[in-house]
């Protein structure tokens, strides 16, 4: 069982890193720069990203995958997790940060639902096939 959890976790982590890298590095990069570039650091510390990806991947495995029996269950639980986690992040930013754009709030929230759903689906697929 430990092997199954580890393989699933690594697949989730890899999928999350690849998808978020594509999103942040290419698809939404210009939008973020235009909308909230004035808030961005010139040099970003790495450790917060590492902690987020390690813990969020574990959360996806624990909350969306291990408790599911079918692909669609993992997908829907991933969606709810993304809705909650990215909603908390984006709505908090919108509430507390002066000039935080509503468009970024909604776009990033939608992305969080999407990336968490897809990542949970990938992890669920691995979970069901791993012995």
C-alpha atoms as a PDB file:
ATOM      1  CA  UNK A   1       0.000   0.000   0.000  1.00  0.00           C
ATOM      2  CA  UNK A   2       2.871   2.382   0.755  1.00  0.00           C
ATOM      3  CA  UNK A   3       4.276   1.854  -2.739  1.00  0.00           C
ATOM      4  CA  UNK A   4       0.857   2.591  -4.256  1.00  0.00           C
ATOM      5  CA  UNK A   5       0.563   5.822  -2.254  1.00  0.00           C
ATOM      6  CA  UNK A   6       4.099   6.917  -3.169  1.00  0.00           C
ATOM      7  CA  UNK A   7       3.679   6.212  -6.892  1.00  0.00           C
ATOM      8  CA  UNK A   8       0.325   8.004  -6.905  1.00  0.00           C
ATOM      9  CA  UNK A   9       1.777  10.957  -4.988  1.00  0.00           C
ATOM     10  CA  UNK A  10       4.685  11.294  -7.414  1.00  0.00           C
ATOM     11  CA  UNK A  11       2.320  11.178 -10.401  1.00  0.00           C
ATOM     12  CA  UNK A  12       0.152  13.890  -8.836  1.00  0.00           C
ATOM     13  CA  UNK A  13       3.168  16.048  -8.005  1.00  0.00           C
ATOM     14  CA  UNK A  14       4.586  15.689 -11.507  1.00  0.00           C
ATOM     15  CA  UNK A  15       1.235  16.437 -13.176  1.00  0.00           C
ATOM     16  CA  UNK A  16       0.673  19.466 -10.955  1.00  0.00           C
ATOM     17  CA  UNK A  17       4.155  20.852 -11.632  1.00  0.00           C
ATOM     18  CA  UNK A  18       3.849  20.329 -15.372  1.00  0.00           C
ATOM     19  CA  UNK A  19       0.370  21.834 -15.677  1.00  0.00           C
ATOM     20  CA  UNK A  20       1.054  24.770 -13.383  1.00  0.00           C
ATOM     21  CA  UNK A  21       4.383  25.378 -15.106  1.00  0.00           C
ATOM     22  CA  UNK A  22       2.579  25.532 -18.442  1.00  0.00           C
ATOM     23  CA  UNK A  23      -0.058  27.868 -16.998  1.00  0.00           C
ATOM     24  CA  UNK A  24       2.235  30.227 -15.080  1.00  0.00           C
ATOM     25  CA  UNK A  25       5.130  30.132 -17.498  1.00  0.00           C
ATOM     26  CA  UNK A  26       3.264  30.445 -20.777  1.00  0.00           C
ATOM     27  CA  UNK A  27      -0.547  30.529 -20.914  1.00  0.00           C
ATOM     28  CA  UNK A  28      -1.312  33.106 -18.212  1.00  0.00           C
ATOM     29  CA  UNK A  29       2.079  34.730 -17.769  1.00  0.00           C
ATOM     30  CA  UNK A  30       1.286  37.918 -19.692  1.00  0.00           C
ATOM     31  CA  UNK A  31      -2.128  38.316 -18.058  1.00  0.00           C
ATOM     32  CA  UNK A  32      -0.669  38.038 -14.577  1.00  0.00           C
ATOM     33  CA  UNK A  33       2.128  40.442 -15.467  1.00  0.00           C
ATOM     34  CA  UNK A  34      -0.309  43.029 -16.870  1.00  0.00           C
ATOM     35  CA  UNK A  35      -2.882  42.704 -14.085  1.00  0.00           C
ATOM     36  CA  UNK A  36      -0.772  42.223 -10.939  1.00  0.00           C
ATOM     37  CA  UNK A  37       2.790  42.828 -12.086  1.00  0.00           C
ATOM     38  CA  UNK A  38       2.941  45.852  -9.795  1.00  0.00           C
ATOM     39  CA  UNK A  39       2.638  43.451  -6.850  1.00  0.00           C
ATOM     40  CA  UNK A  40       5.203  40.895  -8.030  1.00  0.00           C
ATOM     41  CA  UNK A  41       8.701  40.558  -6.636  1.00  0.00           C
ATOM     42  CA  UNK A  42      11.703  40.842  -8.894  1.00  0.00           C
ATOM     43  CA  UNK A  43      13.193  37.702  -7.366  1.00  0.00           C
ATOM     44  CA  UNK A  44      10.831  35.105  -5.963  1.00  0.00           C
ATOM     45  CA  UNK A  45      11.889  32.815  -3.130  1.00  0.00           C
ATOM     46  CA  UNK A  46      11.674  29.131  -4.028  1.00  0.00           C
ATOM     47  CA  UNK A  47      10.795  27.627  -0.637  1.00  0.00           C
ATOM     48  CA  UNK A  48       7.113  28.768  -0.566  1.00  0.00           C
ATOM     49  CA  UNK A  49       6.503  27.121  -3.953  1.00  0.00           C
ATOM     50  CA  UNK A  50       8.184  23.910  -2.834  1.00  0.00           C
ATOM     51  CA  UNK A  51       6.077  23.761   0.329  1.00  0.00           C
ATOM     52  CA  UNK A  52       2.869  24.484  -1.618  1.00  0.00           C
ATOM     53  CA  UNK A  53       3.444  21.819  -4.291  1.00  0.00           C
ATOM     54  CA  UNK A  54       4.537  19.172  -1.750  1.00  0.00           C
ATOM     55  CA  UNK A  55       1.574  19.786   0.558  1.00  0.00           C
ATOM     56  CA  UNK A  56      -1.063  20.392  -2.107  1.00  0.00           C
ATOM     57  CA  UNK A  57      -0.105  17.191  -3.920  1.00  0.00           C
ATOM     58  CA  UNK A  58      -0.424  15.284  -0.640  1.00  0.00           C
ATOM     59  CA  UNK A  59      -3.819  16.910  -0.073  1.00  0.00           C
ATOM     60  CA  UNK A  60      -5.021  15.841  -3.516  1.00  0.00           C
ATOM     61  CA  UNK A  61      -3.949  12.256  -2.855  1.00  0.00           C
ATOM     62  CA  UNK A  62      -5.490  12.156   0.615  1.00  0.00           C
ATOM     63  CA  UNK A  63      -8.716  14.066  -0.010  1.00  0.00           C
ATOM     64  CA  UNK A  64      -9.543  13.237  -3.628  1.00  0.00           C
ATOM     65  CA  UNK A  65      -7.905   9.938  -4.517  1.00  0.00           C
ATOM     66  CA  UNK A  66      -7.473   7.521  -1.605  1.00  0.00           C
ATOM     67  CA  UNK A  67     -11.136   7.869  -0.626  1.00  0.00           C
ATOM     68  CA  UNK A  68     -12.404   7.347  -4.203  1.00  0.00           C
ATOM     69  CA  UNK A  69     -13.208   4.170  -6.084  1.00  0.00           C
ATOM     70  CA  UNK A  70     -13.751   5.482  -9.618  1.00  0.00           C
ATOM     71  CA  UNK A  71     -12.166   8.019 -11.946  1.00  0.00           C
ATOM     72  CA  UNK A  72     -15.188  10.315 -11.851  1.00  0.00           C
ATOM     73  CA  UNK A  73     -15.126  10.373  -8.041  1.00  0.00           C
ATOM     74  CA  UNK A  74     -11.485  11.459  -8.000  1.00  0.00           C
ATOM     75  CA  UNK A  75     -12.252  14.082 -10.634  1.00  0.00           C
ATOM     76  CA  UNK A  76     -15.215  15.530  -8.747  1.00  0.00           C
ATOM     77  CA  UNK A  77     -13.400  15.507  -5.403  1.00  0.00           C
ATOM     78  CA  UNK A  78     -10.447  17.206  -7.086  1.00  0.00           C
ATOM     79  CA  UNK A  79     -12.799  19.863  -8.410  1.00  0.00           C
ATOM     80  CA  UNK A  80     -14.245  20.521  -4.940  1.00  0.00           C
ATOM     81  CA  UNK A  81     -10.752  20.684  -3.444  1.00  0.00           C
ATOM     82  CA  UNK A  82      -9.629  23.162  -6.123  1.00  0.00           C
ATOM     83  CA  UNK A  83     -12.811  25.175  -5.674  1.00  0.00           C
ATOM     84  CA  UNK A  84     -12.136  25.425  -1.933  1.00  0.00           C
ATOM     85  CA  UNK A  85      -8.376  25.951  -1.907  1.00  0.00           C
ATOM     86  CA  UNK A  86      -8.098  28.361  -4.824  1.00  0.00           C
ATOM     87  CA  UNK A  87     -11.319  30.072  -3.766  1.00  0.00           C
ATOM     88  CA  UNK A  88      -9.902  30.753  -0.317  1.00  0.00           C
ATOM     89  CA  UNK A  89      -6.673  32.098  -1.828  1.00  0.00           C
ATOM     90  CA  UNK A  90      -8.260  34.264  -4.505  1.00  0.00           C
ATOM     91  CA  UNK A  91     -11.174  35.602  -2.494  1.00  0.00           C
ATOM     92  CA  UNK A  92      -8.824  36.469   0.360  1.00  0.00           C
ATOM     93  CA  UNK A  93      -6.521  38.318  -2.047  1.00  0.00           C
ATOM     94  CA  UNK A  94      -9.484  40.141  -3.570  1.00  0.00           C
ATOM     95  CA  UNK A  95     -10.803  41.081  -0.137  1.00  0.00           C
ATOM     96  CA  UNK A  96      -7.549  42.181   1.493  1.00  0.00           C
ATOM     97  CA  UNK A  97      -5.374  43.507  -1.324  1.00  0.00           C
ATOM     98  CA  UNK A  98      -5.992  46.992  -2.664  1.00  0.00           C
ATOM     99  CA  UNK A  99      -6.439  46.996  -6.450  1.00  0.00           C
ATOM    100  CA  UNK A 100      -6.472  43.198  -6.723  1.00  0.00           C
ATOM    101  CA  UNK A 101      -8.318  42.609 -10.034  1.00  0.00           C
ATOM    102  CA  UNK A 102     -11.567  40.674 -10.010  1.00  0.00           C
ATOM    103  CA  UNK A 103     -10.604  39.235 -13.409  1.00  0.00           C
ATOM    104  CA  UNK A 104      -7.480  37.630 -11.898  1.00  0.00           C
ATOM    105  CA  UNK A 105      -9.532  36.333  -8.980  1.00  0.00           C
ATOM    106  CA  UNK A 106     -11.972  34.579 -11.287  1.00  0.00           C
ATOM    107  CA  UNK A 107      -9.373  33.383 -13.792  1.00  0.00           C
ATOM    108  CA  UNK A 108      -7.061  31.933 -11.165  1.00  0.00           C
ATOM    109  CA  UNK A 109      -9.952  30.372  -9.291  1.00  0.00           C
ATOM    110  CA  UNK A 110     -11.146  28.672 -12.484  1.00  0.00           C
ATOM    111  CA  UNK A 111      -7.597  27.497 -13.148  1.00  0.00           C
ATOM    112  CA  UNK A 112      -7.348  26.082  -9.619  1.00  0.00           C
ATOM    113  CA  UNK A 113     -10.505  24.042 -10.164  1.00  0.00           C
ATOM    114  CA  UNK A 114      -9.215  22.848 -13.525  1.00  0.00           C
ATOM    115  CA  UNK A 115      -5.668  21.960 -12.510  1.00  0.00           C
ATOM    116  CA  UNK A 116      -6.757  20.212  -9.317  1.00  0.00           C
ATOM    117  CA  UNK A 117      -9.414  18.225 -11.190  1.00  0.00           C
ATOM    118  CA  UNK A 118      -7.021  17.122 -13.926  1.00  0.00           C
ATOM    119  CA  UNK A 119      -4.287  16.311 -11.443  1.00  0.00           C
ATOM    120  CA  UNK A 120      -6.690  14.271  -9.308  1.00  0.00           C
ATOM    121  CA  UNK A 121      -7.844  12.443 -12.435  1.00  0.00           C
ATOM    122  CA  UNK A 122      -4.241  11.574 -13.341  1.00  0.00           C
ATOM    123  CA  UNK A 123      -3.587  10.423  -9.777  1.00  0.00           C
ATOM    124  CA  UNK A 124      -6.803   8.412  -9.699  1.00  0.00           C
ATOM    125  CA  UNK A 125      -5.866   6.696 -12.944  1.00  0.00           C
ATOM    126  CA  UNK A 126      -2.474   5.720 -11.447  1.00  0.00           C
ATOM    127  CA  UNK A 127      -4.102   4.687  -8.151  1.00  0.00           C
ATOM    128  CA  UNK A 128      -6.502   2.310  -9.877  1.00  0.00           C
ATOM    129  CA  UNK A 129      -3.746   0.686 -11.950  1.00  0.00           C
ATOM    130  CA  UNK A 130      -1.047   0.439  -9.293  1.00  0.00           C
ATOM    131  CA  UNK A 131      -0.717  -2.798  -7.360  1.00  0.00           C
END
